[in-house]
Amino acid sequence: MLGSWWLISIIIGLLVTVWVIYDIVKNQKDMRTSKKVLWILVAFLFGVVGAIAYYLIVKRKG
């Protein structure tokens, strides 16, 4: 039972990380390269929390 919750959380983490990377590469044309690299690292290191931060800081601003 506990193993299935871990698997679900890992899959969700991977999905949101892929979403952040996709959004940065495709939709953030005016963002500097250094910021893109920083947000990709945040997405890899922090997963869902990084994706929420990206949404609140970048997506809602624009």
N, C-alpha and C. Protein backbone atom coordinates (compact mmCIF):
# COMPACT_ATOMS: atom_id res chain seq x y z
N MET A 1 0.83 -1.20 0.00
CA MET A 1 0.00 0.00 0.00
C MET A 1 0.87 1.26 0.00
N LEU A 2 1.85 1.30 0.89
CA LEU A 2 2.71 2.47 0.96
C LEU A 2 3.55 2.63 -0.30
N GLY A 3 3.93 1.50 -0.91
CA GLY A 3 4.72 1.55 -2.13
C GLY A 3 3.99 2.19 -3.28
N SER A 4 2.69 1.99 -3.35
CA SER A 4 1.92 2.59 -4.44
C SER A 4 1.83 4.12 -4.28
N TRP A 5 1.77 4.61 -3.04
CA TRP A 5 1.75 6.05 -2.83
C TRP A 5 3.07 6.68 -3.24
N TRP A 6 4.17 6.00 -2.95
CA TRP A 6 5.47 6.51 -3.37
C TRP A 6 5.58 6.55 -4.89
N LEU A 7 5.07 5.53 -5.54
CA LEU A 7 5.11 5.49 -7.00
C LEU A 7 4.27 6.62 -7.60
N ILE A 8 3.11 6.84 -7.05
CA ILE A 8 2.25 7.93 -7.53
C ILE A 8 2.92 9.28 -7.32
N SER A 9 3.54 9.50 -6.17
CA SER A 9 4.20 10.79 -5.92
C SER A 9 5.41 10.98 -6.83
N ILE A 10 6.12 9.92 -7.13
CA ILE A 10 7.26 10.02 -8.05
C ILE A 10 6.78 10.37 -9.45
N ILE A 11 5.71 9.74 -9.90
CA ILE A 11 5.16 10.02 -11.23
C ILE A 11 4.67 11.46 -11.31
N ILE A 12 3.99 11.94 -10.29
CA ILE A 12 3.51 13.32 -10.28
C ILE A 12 4.70 14.28 -10.30
N GLY A 13 5.72 13.98 -9.52
CA GLY A 13 6.92 14.81 -9.51
C GLY A 13 7.59 14.88 -10.87
N LEU A 14 7.67 13.75 -11.54
CA LEU A 14 8.27 13.73 -12.89
C LEU A 14 7.42 14.51 -13.89
N LEU A 15 6.11 14.36 -13.78
CA LEU A 15 5.22 15.08 -14.70
C LEU A 15 5.32 16.59 -14.55
N VAL A 16 5.34 17.07 -13.31
CA VAL A 16 5.43 18.52 -13.13
C VAL A 16 6.80 19.04 -13.52
N THR A 17 7.85 18.23 -13.33
CA THR A 17 9.18 18.64 -13.77
C THR A 17 9.23 18.75 -15.29
N VAL A 18 8.66 17.79 -15.98
CA VAL A 18 8.61 17.83 -17.44
C VAL A 18 7.78 19.02 -17.91
N TRP A 19 6.67 19.32 -17.21
CA TRP A 19 5.83 20.47 -17.58
C TRP A 19 6.61 21.77 -17.47
N VAL A 20 7.36 21.94 -16.37
CA VAL A 20 8.12 23.17 -16.18
C VAL A 20 9.18 23.30 -17.28
N ILE A 21 9.89 22.23 -17.56
CA ILE A 21 10.93 22.29 -18.60
C ILE A 21 10.31 22.59 -19.96
N TYR A 22 9.21 21.93 -20.28
CA TYR A 22 8.53 22.18 -21.56
C TYR A 22 8.07 23.64 -21.65
N ASP A 23 7.49 24.15 -20.60
CA ASP A 23 7.00 25.53 -20.62
C ASP A 23 8.14 26.52 -20.76
N ILE A 24 9.24 26.26 -20.09
CA ILE A 24 10.39 27.16 -20.20
C ILE A 24 10.94 27.16 -21.62
N VAL A 25 11.11 25.99 -22.20
CA VAL A 25 11.71 25.89 -23.53
C VAL A 25 10.79 26.46 -24.61
N LYS A 26 9.49 26.16 -24.54
CA LYS A 26 8.57 26.55 -25.61
C LYS A 26 7.96 27.93 -25.43
N ASN A 27 7.65 28.34 -24.21
CA ASN A 27 6.85 29.55 -24.02
C ASN A 27 7.60 30.74 -23.45
N GLN A 28 8.77 30.54 -22.92
CA GLN A 28 9.50 31.65 -22.29
C GLN A 28 10.62 32.14 -23.21
N LYS A 29 10.24 32.68 -24.35
CA LYS A 29 11.22 33.13 -25.34
C LYS A 29 12.01 34.35 -24.86
N ASP A 30 11.39 35.23 -24.08
CA ASP A 30 12.07 36.44 -23.65
C ASP A 30 12.86 36.27 -22.35
N MET A 31 12.80 35.10 -21.73
CA MET A 31 13.53 34.84 -20.50
C MET A 31 15.01 34.61 -20.81
N ARG A 32 15.88 35.21 -20.01
CA ARG A 32 17.31 35.02 -20.20
C ARG A 32 17.70 33.56 -19.99
N THR A 33 18.75 33.13 -20.66
CA THR A 33 19.22 31.75 -20.57
C THR A 33 19.59 31.37 -19.14
N SER A 34 20.20 32.29 -18.42
CA SER A 34 20.58 31.99 -17.04
C SER A 34 19.36 31.72 -16.17
N LYS A 35 18.28 32.46 -16.38
CA LYS A 35 17.04 32.22 -15.63
C LYS A 35 16.41 30.90 -16.02
N LYS A 36 16.48 30.56 -17.31
CA LYS A 36 15.94 29.28 -17.76
C LYS A 36 16.66 28.13 -17.07
N VAL A 37 17.99 28.20 -17.04
CA VAL A 37 18.78 27.16 -16.40
C VAL A 37 18.45 27.08 -14.91
N LEU A 38 18.31 28.23 -14.27
CA LEU A 38 17.98 28.26 -12.85
C LEU A 38 16.63 27.60 -12.58
N TRP A 39 15.60 27.92 -13.38
CA TRP A 39 14.29 27.34 -13.17
C TRP A 39 14.27 25.84 -13.47
N ILE A 40 15.05 25.41 -14.45
CA ILE A 40 15.13 23.97 -14.73
C ILE A 40 15.78 23.25 -13.55
N LEU A 41 16.82 23.83 -12.97
CA LEU A 41 17.45 23.23 -11.78
C LEU A 41 16.48 23.19 -10.61
N VAL A 42 15.71 24.27 -10.43
CA VAL A 42 14.72 24.29 -9.36
C VAL A 42 13.69 23.18 -9.57
N ALA A 43 13.27 22.99 -10.82
CA ALA A 43 12.30 21.94 -11.11
C ALA A 43 12.86 20.57 -10.81
N PHE A 44 14.13 20.33 -11.17
CA PHE A 44 14.75 19.03 -10.90
C PHE A 44 14.95 18.79 -9.40
N LEU A 45 15.39 19.82 -8.70
CA LEU A 45 15.73 19.64 -7.29
C LEU A 45 14.53 19.60 -6.37
N PHE A 46 13.49 20.37 -6.69
CA PHE A 46 12.38 20.52 -5.77
C PHE A 46 11.05 19.95 -6.27
N GLY A 47 11.00 19.47 -7.50
CA GLY A 47 9.81 18.79 -8.01
C GLY A 47 8.54 19.62 -7.94
N VAL A 48 7.56 19.13 -7.20
CA VAL A 48 6.25 19.78 -7.12
C VAL A 48 6.37 21.18 -6.50
N VAL A 49 7.17 21.32 -5.46
CA VAL A 49 7.35 22.63 -4.82
C VAL A 49 7.98 23.62 -5.80
N GLY A 50 8.95 23.17 -6.58
CA GLY A 50 9.56 24.03 -7.60
C GLY A 50 8.57 24.41 -8.68
N ALA A 51 7.70 23.48 -9.07
CA ALA A 51 6.69 23.78 -10.08
C ALA A 51 5.68 24.80 -9.57
N ILE A 52 5.30 24.67 -8.31
CA ILE A 52 4.38 25.65 -7.73
C ILE A 52 5.04 27.02 -7.67
N ALA A 53 6.30 27.07 -7.27
CA ALA A 53 7.02 28.34 -7.24
C ALA A 53 7.12 28.94 -8.64
N TYR A 54 7.42 28.11 -9.63
CA TYR A 54 7.50 28.59 -11.02
C TYR A 54 6.16 29.17 -11.46
N TYR A 55 5.09 28.46 -11.15
CA TYR A 55 3.76 28.94 -11.53
C TYR A 55 3.45 30.27 -10.86
N LEU A 56 3.72 30.37 -9.57
CA LEU A 56 3.37 31.59 -8.84
C LEU A 56 4.24 32.77 -9.23
N ILE A 57 5.52 32.52 -9.50
CA ILE A 57 6.44 33.62 -9.77
C ILE A 57 6.46 34.00 -11.24
N VAL A 58 6.48 33.02 -12.14
CA VAL A 58 6.64 33.31 -13.57
C VAL A 58 5.32 33.34 -14.31
N LYS A 59 4.52 32.29 -14.18
CA LYS A 59 3.32 32.17 -15.00
C LYS A 59 2.23 33.18 -14.62
N ARG A 60 2.02 33.42 -13.37
CA ARG A 60 0.96 34.35 -12.96
C ARG A 60 1.36 35.78 -13.22
N LYS A 61 2.66 36.06 -13.28
CA LYS A 61 3.15 37.42 -13.53
C LYS A 61 2.92 37.82 -14.98
N GLY A 62 3.07 36.87 -15.90
CA GLY A 62 2.98 37.17 -17.33
C GLY A 62 1.66 36.94 -17.84
